[in-house]
Amino acid sequence: MKDLRLSTVGAFCAIVAVAGFVVGIILSVSSGVQVLIPETGANGLDWISDVDDASDLFFAGAWLIIFAGLVGLIALVGFYDVLKEAGPAMIIAPVAGAVGLTLVTISHVLPVALAYEFVPGYVAADEVTRASLAVTFDTSAYTCCD
C-alpha cells in the first residue's frame, strides 16, 4: 500500500467512473426512463409516468451514475497530483473539474429524490392535487438542470 501512487488510484477511479456512467445510463434507459434529469411541462409528466412504471433497474442505474460522479472526484484528485509539477496554472483544470463534477452529481441526486418521494405521491393524488404538484415538480426540475 505504501508504494501505491495517487496518480495510479486516480487513473483506476477514472476508468471506474466512465464504466459507472455507461452502465448506469444503460440500466436507466433499459428500465424505460430515457433521461435521469427530468424536463418540465408535458415531458416532465411523461418522466413521472416512466419512473412510476420503471423497475428497480432505474434506481440501480441512477445510483450507479451518482457513485460514478463521486469516484470521478477521486480521479480528479489523481489528475491534480500529476499536474501539480507542470506549474501552478495547470492546477486550475482539476480544481474546476471537481467543482463542476460536484454540481453535476448534486443535479443527479435531486431527480433520484424526486423519484423516491415525489412520484408516488403524484401518482396517488387526485386531479386537483396533481395540478398543484405539477407546478412543484416543474420547480424541482428547474433546480436539477439549471
N, C-alpha and C. Protein backbone atom coordinates (compact mmCIF):
# COMPACT_ATOMS: atom_id res chain seq x y z
N MET A 1 0.81 -1.19 0.00
CA MET A 1 0.00 0.00 0.00
C MET A 1 0.86 1.26 0.00
N LYS A 2 2.05 1.15 0.59
CA LYS A 2 2.94 2.30 0.66
C LYS A 2 3.37 2.77 -0.73
N ASP A 3 3.54 1.83 -1.64
CA ASP A 3 4.05 2.15 -2.97
C ASP A 3 2.95 2.58 -3.94
N LEU A 4 1.73 2.56 -3.51
CA LEU A 4 0.60 2.96 -4.36
C LEU A 4 0.60 4.47 -4.53
N ARG A 5 0.66 4.92 -5.78
CA ARG A 5 0.71 6.36 -6.05
C ARG A 5 -0.70 6.91 -6.24
N LEU A 6 -0.86 8.18 -5.90
CA LEU A 6 -2.15 8.86 -6.05
C LEU A 6 -2.57 8.91 -7.52
N SER A 7 -1.63 9.06 -8.41
CA SER A 7 -1.96 9.09 -9.84
C SER A 7 -2.50 7.74 -10.31
N THR A 8 -1.98 6.65 -9.75
CA THR A 8 -2.47 5.32 -10.10
C THR A 8 -3.89 5.12 -9.60
N VAL A 9 -4.15 5.54 -8.38
CA VAL A 9 -5.51 5.46 -7.83
C VAL A 9 -6.45 6.33 -8.66
N GLY A 10 -5.99 7.52 -9.03
CA GLY A 10 -6.81 8.41 -9.85
C GLY A 10 -7.14 7.81 -11.20
N ALA A 11 -6.15 7.16 -11.82
CA ALA A 11 -6.38 6.53 -13.12
C ALA A 11 -7.39 5.40 -13.01
N PHE A 12 -7.25 4.58 -11.97
CA PHE A 12 -8.21 3.50 -11.74
C PHE A 12 -9.61 4.07 -11.52
N CYS A 13 -9.71 5.12 -10.72
CA CYS A 13 -11.01 5.74 -10.46
C CYS A 13 -11.62 6.36 -11.71
N ALA A 14 -10.78 6.89 -12.60
CA ALA A 14 -11.28 7.44 -13.86
C ALA A 14 -11.92 6.35 -14.71
N ILE A 15 -11.29 5.19 -14.75
CA ILE A 15 -11.83 4.06 -15.51
C ILE A 15 -13.14 3.59 -14.88
N VAL A 16 -13.16 3.49 -13.56
CA VAL A 16 -14.38 3.07 -12.86
C VAL A 16 -15.51 4.09 -13.07
N ALA A 17 -15.16 5.37 -13.06
CA ALA A 17 -16.17 6.42 -13.26
C ALA A 17 -16.80 6.32 -14.65
N VAL A 18 -15.98 6.17 -15.66
CA VAL A 18 -16.52 6.05 -17.03
C VAL A 18 -17.39 4.81 -17.15
N ALA A 19 -16.91 3.69 -16.63
CA ALA A 19 -17.71 2.46 -16.67
C ALA A 19 -19.01 2.62 -15.89
N GLY A 20 -18.95 3.29 -14.75
CA GLY A 20 -20.16 3.51 -13.95
C GLY A 20 -21.18 4.36 -14.67
N PHE A 21 -20.72 5.42 -15.34
CA PHE A 21 -21.64 6.26 -16.10
C PHE A 21 -22.28 5.47 -17.23
N VAL A 22 -21.48 4.71 -17.96
CA VAL A 22 -22.01 3.95 -19.10
C VAL A 22 -23.01 2.89 -18.65
N VAL A 23 -22.64 2.09 -17.66
CA VAL A 23 -23.54 1.04 -17.18
C VAL A 23 -24.78 1.65 -16.53
N GLY A 24 -24.61 2.74 -15.77
CA GLY A 24 -25.75 3.40 -15.14
C GLY A 24 -26.74 3.93 -16.15
N ILE A 25 -26.24 4.53 -17.22
CA ILE A 25 -27.13 5.03 -18.27
C ILE A 25 -27.85 3.88 -18.97
N ILE A 26 -27.12 2.81 -19.24
CA ILE A 26 -27.74 1.65 -19.88
C ILE A 26 -28.84 1.07 -19.01
N LEU A 27 -28.59 0.93 -17.71
CA LEU A 27 -29.62 0.40 -16.80
C LEU A 27 -30.82 1.32 -16.73
N SER A 28 -30.57 2.61 -16.64
CA SER A 28 -31.65 3.58 -16.53
C SER A 28 -32.52 3.57 -17.78
N VAL A 29 -31.90 3.59 -18.94
CA VAL A 29 -32.66 3.60 -20.19
C VAL A 29 -33.38 2.28 -20.41
N SER A 30 -32.76 1.17 -20.04
CA SER A 30 -33.42 -0.13 -20.24
C SER A 30 -34.62 -0.30 -19.31
N SER A 31 -34.71 0.51 -18.27
CA SER A 31 -35.87 0.43 -17.38
C SER A 31 -37.07 1.19 -17.94
N GLY A 32 -36.86 1.95 -19.00
CA GLY A 32 -37.95 2.70 -19.61
C GLY A 32 -37.89 4.19 -19.36
N VAL A 33 -36.97 4.64 -18.56
CA VAL A 33 -36.80 6.07 -18.29
C VAL A 33 -35.65 6.56 -19.18
N GLN A 34 -35.96 7.45 -20.11
CA GLN A 34 -34.97 7.85 -21.11
C GLN A 34 -33.90 8.80 -20.58
N VAL A 35 -34.25 9.62 -19.59
CA VAL A 35 -33.28 10.58 -19.04
C VAL A 35 -33.35 10.55 -17.52
N LEU A 36 -32.23 10.81 -16.89
CA LEU A 36 -32.21 10.85 -15.43
C LEU A 36 -32.75 12.18 -14.92
N ILE A 37 -32.35 13.26 -15.56
CA ILE A 37 -32.78 14.59 -15.13
C ILE A 37 -34.05 14.95 -15.88
N PRO A 38 -35.15 15.16 -15.16
CA PRO A 38 -36.44 15.39 -15.83
C PRO A 38 -36.52 16.77 -16.47
N GLU A 39 -37.34 16.83 -17.50
CA GLU A 39 -37.66 18.11 -18.11
C GLU A 39 -38.91 18.66 -17.44
N THR A 40 -39.37 19.79 -17.90
CA THR A 40 -40.57 20.40 -17.33
C THR A 40 -41.75 20.24 -18.29
N GLY A 41 -42.92 20.63 -17.81
CA GLY A 41 -44.12 20.59 -18.64
C GLY A 41 -44.58 19.18 -18.93
N ALA A 42 -45.07 18.97 -20.15
CA ALA A 42 -45.60 17.65 -20.53
C ALA A 42 -44.52 16.58 -20.50
N ASN A 43 -43.29 16.94 -20.88
CA ASN A 43 -42.19 15.96 -20.83
C ASN A 43 -41.88 15.54 -19.40
N GLY A 44 -42.03 16.46 -18.46
CA GLY A 44 -41.84 16.13 -17.05
C GLY A 44 -42.90 15.17 -16.54
N LEU A 45 -44.13 15.38 -16.99
CA LEU A 45 -45.21 14.47 -16.60
C LEU A 45 -44.99 13.09 -17.20
N ASP A 46 -44.45 13.04 -18.42
CA ASP A 46 -44.09 11.75 -19.02
C ASP A 46 -42.98 11.08 -18.21
N TRP A 47 -42.02 11.88 -17.71
CA TRP A 47 -40.94 11.35 -16.88
C TRP A 47 -41.52 10.72 -15.61
N ILE A 48 -42.47 11.40 -15.00
CA ILE A 48 -43.12 10.86 -13.79
C ILE A 48 -43.76 9.52 -14.11
N SER A 49 -44.47 9.45 -15.23
CA SER A 49 -45.13 8.20 -15.62
C SER A 49 -44.10 7.11 -15.89
N ASP A 50 -43.03 7.46 -16.57
CA ASP A 50 -41.98 6.47 -16.86
C ASP A 50 -41.33 5.95 -15.58
N VAL A 51 -41.05 6.86 -14.64
CA VAL A 51 -40.44 6.45 -13.37
C VAL A 51 -41.39 5.57 -12.59
N ASP A 52 -42.68 5.90 -12.62
CA ASP A 52 -43.66 5.09 -11.90
C ASP A 52 -43.74 3.68 -12.49
N ASP A 53 -43.58 3.57 -13.80
CA ASP A 53 -43.64 2.26 -14.46
C ASP A 53 -42.31 1.52 -14.43
N ALA A 54 -41.23 2.23 -14.10
CA ALA A 54 -39.89 1.65 -14.17
C ALA A 54 -39.66 0.59 -13.10
N SER A 55 -38.76 -0.29 -13.42
CA SER A 55 -38.36 -1.31 -12.45
C SER A 55 -37.24 -0.77 -11.58
N ASP A 56 -36.71 -1.62 -10.76
CA ASP A 56 -35.58 -1.23 -9.91
C ASP A 56 -34.32 -0.95 -10.71
N LEU A 57 -34.33 -1.31 -12.00
CA LEU A 57 -33.17 -1.01 -12.84
C LEU A 57 -32.93 0.49 -12.92
N PHE A 58 -34.00 1.27 -12.93
CA PHE A 58 -33.84 2.73 -12.98
C PHE A 58 -33.08 3.22 -11.76
N PHE A 59 -33.49 2.77 -10.59
CA PHE A 59 -32.84 3.22 -9.36
C PHE A 59 -31.40 2.70 -9.27
N ALA A 60 -31.18 1.46 -9.71
CA ALA A 60 -29.81 0.93 -9.72
C ALA A 60 -28.94 1.75 -10.65
N GLY A 61 -29.45 2.08 -11.82
CA GLY A 61 -28.70 2.89 -12.77
C GLY A 61 -28.45 4.29 -12.25
N ALA A 62 -29.46 4.89 -11.64
CA ALA A 62 -29.32 6.25 -11.11
C ALA A 62 -28.26 6.29 -10.00
N TRP A 63 -28.31 5.33 -9.09
CA TRP A 63 -27.32 5.33 -8.01
C TRP A 63 -25.92 5.02 -8.54
N LEU A 64 -25.85 4.22 -9.59
CA LEU A 64 -24.54 3.94 -10.20
C LEU A 64 -23.97 5.20 -10.84
N ILE A 65 -24.82 6.01 -11.47
CA ILE A 65 -24.37 7.29 -12.04
C ILE A 65 -23.88 8.22 -10.94
N ILE A 66 -24.59 8.27 -9.83
CA ILE A 66 -24.17 9.12 -8.70
C ILE A 66 -22.83 8.63 -8.14
N PHE A 67 -22.70 7.33 -7.97
CA PHE A 67 -21.45 6.74 -7.49
C PHE A 67 -20.30 7.06 -8.44
N ALA A 68 -20.57 6.98 -9.75
CA ALA A 68 -19.54 7.28 -10.74
C ALA A 68 -19.08 8.73 -10.61
N GLY A 69 -20.00 9.64 -10.32
CA GLY A 69 -19.62 11.03 -10.11
C GLY A 69 -18.71 11.20 -8.91
N LEU A 70 -19.00 10.49 -7.85
CA LEU A 70 -18.16 10.57 -6.65
C LEU A 70 -16.78 9.98 -6.89
N VAL A 71 -16.73 8.87 -7.60
CA VAL A 71 -15.45 8.25 -7.93
C VAL A 71 -14.67 9.15 -8.89
N GLY A 72 -15.40 9.86 -9.75
CA GLY A 72 -14.76 10.81 -10.65
C GLY A 72 -14.03 11.92 -9.91
N LEU A 73 -14.55 12.29 -8.77
CA LEU A 73 -13.87 13.30 -7.94
C LEU A 73 -12.50 12.81 -7.48
N ILE A 74 -12.43 11.54 -7.13
CA ILE A 74 -11.15 10.96 -6.72
C ILE A 74 -10.19 10.93 -7.93
N ALA A 75 -10.73 10.64 -9.11
CA ALA A 75 -9.91 10.64 -10.31
C ALA A 75 -9.32 12.03 -10.56
N LEU A 76 -10.11 13.07 -10.29
CA LEU A 76 -9.62 14.43 -10.48
C LEU A 76 -8.53 14.79 -9.47
N VAL A 77 -8.59 14.21 -8.28
CA VAL A 77 -7.51 14.42 -7.30
C VAL A 77 -6.23 13.79 -7.83
N GLY A 78 -6.32 12.60 -8.43
CA GLY A 78 -5.15 11.98 -9.05
C GLY A 78 -4.62 12.80 -10.21
N PHE A 79 -5.52 13.39 -10.98
CA PHE A 79 -5.13 14.27 -12.08
C PHE A 79 -4.39 15.50 -11.54
N TYR A 80 -4.89 16.02 -10.45
CA TYR A 80 -4.25 17.16 -9.78
C TYR A 80 -2.82 16.79 -9.37
N ASP A 81 -2.66 15.60 -8.83
CA ASP A 81 -1.34 15.16 -8.37
C ASP A 81 -0.34 15.12 -9.52
N VAL A 82 -0.80 14.71 -10.70
CA VAL A 82 0.09 14.64 -11.86
C VAL A 82 0.40 16.05 -12.38
N LEU A 83 -0.59 16.94 -12.38
CA LEU A 83 -0.41 18.27 -12.96
C LEU A 83 0.30 19.27 -12.06
N LYS A 84 0.40 18.99 -10.78
CA LYS A 84 0.98 19.99 -9.89
C LYS A 84 2.44 20.30 -10.21
N GLU A 85 3.13 19.36 -10.82
CA GLU A 85 4.52 19.59 -11.21
C GLU A 85 4.63 20.38 -12.51
N ALA A 86 3.53 20.50 -13.26
CA ALA A 86 3.55 21.21 -14.54
C ALA A 86 3.45 22.72 -14.37
N GLY A 87 3.15 23.15 -13.18
CA GLY A 87 3.07 24.59 -12.93
C GLY A 87 1.75 24.96 -12.26
N PRO A 88 1.74 26.09 -11.61
CA PRO A 88 0.56 26.49 -10.84
C PRO A 88 -0.69 26.70 -11.70
N ALA A 89 -0.53 27.18 -12.92
CA ALA A 89 -1.71 27.43 -13.77
C ALA A 89 -2.42 26.14 -14.15
N MET A 90 -1.67 25.05 -14.25
CA MET A 90 -2.26 23.77 -14.65
C MET A 90 -3.13 23.15 -13.56
N ILE A 91 -3.04 23.65 -12.36
CA ILE A 91 -3.83 23.12 -11.26
C ILE A 91 -5.30 23.55 -11.39
N ILE A 92 -5.55 24.61 -12.15
CA ILE A 92 -6.91 25.12 -12.30
C ILE A 92 -7.83 24.08 -12.92
N ALA A 93 -7.35 23.31 -13.88
CA ALA A 93 -8.20 22.35 -14.59
C ALA A 93 -8.82 21.30 -13.66
N PRO A 94 -8.05 20.58 -12.85
CA PRO A 94 -8.69 19.59 -12.00
C PRO A 94 -9.56 20.21 -10.91
N VAL A 95 -9.17 21.39 -10.43
CA VAL A 95 -10.00 22.04 -9.40
C VAL A 95 -11.34 22.46 -10.00
N ALA A 96 -11.31 23.08 -11.18
CA ALA A 96 -12.55 23.47 -11.85
C ALA A 96 -13.38 22.23 -12.20
N GLY A 97 -12.70 21.17 -12.63
CA GLY A 97 -13.40 19.92 -12.92
C GLY A 97 -14.08 19.34 -11.70
N ALA A 98 -13.42 19.40 -10.55
CA ALA A 98 -14.01 18.87 -9.31
C ALA A 98 -15.23 19.68 -8.90
N VAL A 99 -15.14 21.00 -9.04
CA VAL A 99 -16.30 21.85 -8.71
C VAL A 99 -17.46 21.52 -9.64
N GLY A 100 -17.17 21.42 -10.93
CA GLY A 100 -18.22 21.09 -11.90
C GLY A 100 -18.82 19.72 -11.67
N LEU A 101 -17.98 18.73 -11.40
CA LEU A 101 -18.48 17.37 -11.17
C LEU A 101 -19.29 17.29 -9.89
N THR A 102 -18.95 18.08 -8.89
CA THR A 102 -19.75 18.13 -7.66
C THR A 102 -21.15 18.66 -7.97
N LEU A 103 -21.23 19.72 -8.75
CA LEU A 103 -22.54 20.27 -9.11
C LEU A 103 -23.35 19.29 -9.97
N VAL A 104 -22.68 18.60 -10.87
CA VAL A 104 -23.37 17.61 -11.70
C VAL A 104 -23.88 16.46 -10.83
N THR A 105 -23.08 16.03 -9.89
CA THR A 105 -23.50 14.94 -9.01
C THR A 105 -24.72 15.36 -8.17
N ILE A 106 -24.72 16.58 -7.70
CA ILE A 106 -25.88 17.09 -6.96
C ILE A 106 -27.11 17.10 -7.87
N SER A 107 -26.91 17.51 -9.13
CA SER A 107 -28.06 17.53 -10.05
C SER A 107 -28.55 16.13 -10.39
N HIS A 108 -27.75 15.11 -10.14
CA HIS A 108 -28.19 13.73 -10.33
C HIS A 108 -28.89 13.18 -9.08
N VAL A 109 -28.54 13.69 -7.93
CA VAL A 109 -29.18 13.22 -6.69
C VAL A 109 -30.61 13.74 -6.58
N LEU A 110 -30.84 14.96 -7.01
CA LEU A 110 -32.18 15.55 -6.88
C LEU A 110 -33.26 14.76 -7.63
N PRO A 111 -33.04 14.31 -8.87
CA PRO A 111 -34.07 13.51 -9.52
C PRO A 111 -34.33 12.17 -8.83
N VAL A 112 -33.29 11.61 -8.23
CA VAL A 112 -33.49 10.35 -7.50
C VAL A 112 -34.40 10.60 -6.30
N ALA A 113 -34.19 11.72 -5.62
CA ALA A 113 -35.08 12.07 -4.51
C ALA A 113 -36.50 12.27 -5.02
N LEU A 114 -36.66 12.92 -6.16
CA LEU A 114 -37.99 13.09 -6.76
C LEU A 114 -38.61 11.73 -7.08
N ALA A 115 -37.80 10.82 -7.62
CA ALA A 115 -38.32 9.51 -7.99
C ALA A 115 -38.77 8.71 -6.77
N TYR A 116 -38.05 8.82 -5.67
CA TYR A 116 -38.42 8.08 -4.46
C TYR A 116 -39.61 8.70 -3.74
N GLU A 117 -39.63 10.01 -3.63
CA GLU A 117 -40.61 10.67 -2.77
C GLU A 117 -41.76 11.34 -3.53
N PHE A 118 -41.44 12.05 -4.59
CA PHE A 118 -42.46 12.85 -5.27
C PHE A 118 -43.36 11.99 -6.16
N VAL A 119 -42.76 11.11 -6.96
CA VAL A 119 -43.52 10.35 -7.96
C VAL A 119 -44.64 9.52 -7.32
N PRO A 120 -44.40 8.76 -6.25
CA PRO A 120 -45.51 8.00 -5.66
C PRO A 120 -46.64 8.91 -5.15
N GLY A 121 -46.31 10.05 -4.58
CA GLY A 121 -47.33 10.98 -4.11
C GLY A 121 -48.12 11.58 -5.25
N TYR A 122 -47.44 11.89 -6.34
CA TYR A 122 -48.11 12.46 -7.51
C TYR A 122 -49.06 11.44 -8.11
N VAL A 123 -48.63 10.21 -8.26
CA VAL A 123 -49.45 9.17 -8.87
C VAL A 123 -50.69 8.88 -8.01
N ALA A 124 -50.53 8.93 -6.69
CA ALA A 124 -51.65 8.63 -5.79
C ALA A 124 -52.61 9.81 -5.61
N ALA A 125 -52.24 11.00 -6.07
CA ALA A 125 -53.05 12.20 -5.83
C ALA A 125 -54.24 12.27 -6.79
N ASP A 126 -55.25 13.06 -6.37
CA ASP A 126 -56.39 13.31 -7.26
C ASP A 126 -56.00 14.39 -8.28
N GLU A 127 -56.89 14.66 -9.23
CA GLU A 127 -56.57 15.57 -10.33
C GLU A 127 -56.26 16.99 -9.86
N VAL A 128 -57.01 17.48 -8.88
CA VAL A 128 -56.79 18.84 -8.39
C VAL A 128 -55.41 18.96 -7.73
N THR A 129 -55.08 17.99 -6.93
CA THR A 129 -53.78 17.99 -6.27
C THR A 129 -52.65 17.82 -7.28
N ARG A 130 -52.89 17.02 -8.32
CA ARG A 130 -51.87 16.82 -9.35
C ARG A 130 -51.53 18.13 -10.06
N ALA A 131 -52.51 18.97 -10.28
CA ALA A 131 -52.24 20.25 -10.94
C ALA A 131 -51.29 21.09 -10.10
N SER A 132 -51.52 21.10 -8.80
CA SER A 132 -50.63 21.84 -7.91
C SER A 132 -49.25 21.18 -7.84
N LEU A 133 -49.23 19.87 -7.78
CA LEU A 133 -47.95 19.15 -7.71
C LEU A 133 -47.15 19.29 -8.99
N ALA A 134 -47.83 19.46 -10.12
CA ALA A 134 -47.12 19.64 -11.39
C ALA A 134 -46.28 20.92 -11.36
N VAL A 135 -46.80 21.96 -10.73
CA VAL A 135 -46.05 23.21 -10.60
C VAL A 135 -44.83 22.98 -9.69
N THR A 136 -45.05 22.28 -8.61
CA THR A 136 -43.94 21.96 -7.70
C THR A 136 -42.89 21.12 -8.41
N PHE A 137 -43.35 20.16 -9.22
CA PHE A 137 -42.41 19.31 -9.96
C PHE A 137 -41.59 20.14 -10.94
N ASP A 138 -42.25 21.04 -11.66
CA ASP A 138 -41.51 21.88 -12.61
C ASP A 138 -40.45 22.71 -11.90
N THR A 139 -40.78 23.21 -10.74
CA THR A 139 -39.81 23.99 -9.96
C THR A 139 -38.62 23.11 -9.58
N SER A 140 -38.89 21.90 -9.14
CA SER A 140 -37.81 20.97 -8.78
C SER A 140 -36.99 20.58 -9.99
N ALA A 141 -37.65 20.38 -11.13
CA ALA A 141 -36.93 20.00 -12.35
C ALA A 141 -36.02 21.14 -12.80
N TYR A 142 -36.47 22.38 -12.67
CA TYR A 142 -35.60 23.52 -12.98
C TYR A 142 -34.37 23.51 -12.09
N THR A 143 -34.54 23.14 -10.84
CA THR A 143 -33.43 23.12 -9.88
C THR A 143 -32.40 22.05 -10.29
N CYS A 144 -32.88 20.93 -10.82
CA CYS A 144 -31.97 19.86 -11.21
C CYS A 144 -31.09 20.22 -12.40
N CYS A 145 -31.63 20.95 -13.33
CA CYS A 145 -30.87 21.14 -14.56
C CYS A 145 -30.44 22.57 -14.82
N ASP A 146 -30.88 23.52 -14.07
CA ASP A 146 -30.48 24.93 -14.32
C ASP A 146 -29.54 25.43 -13.27
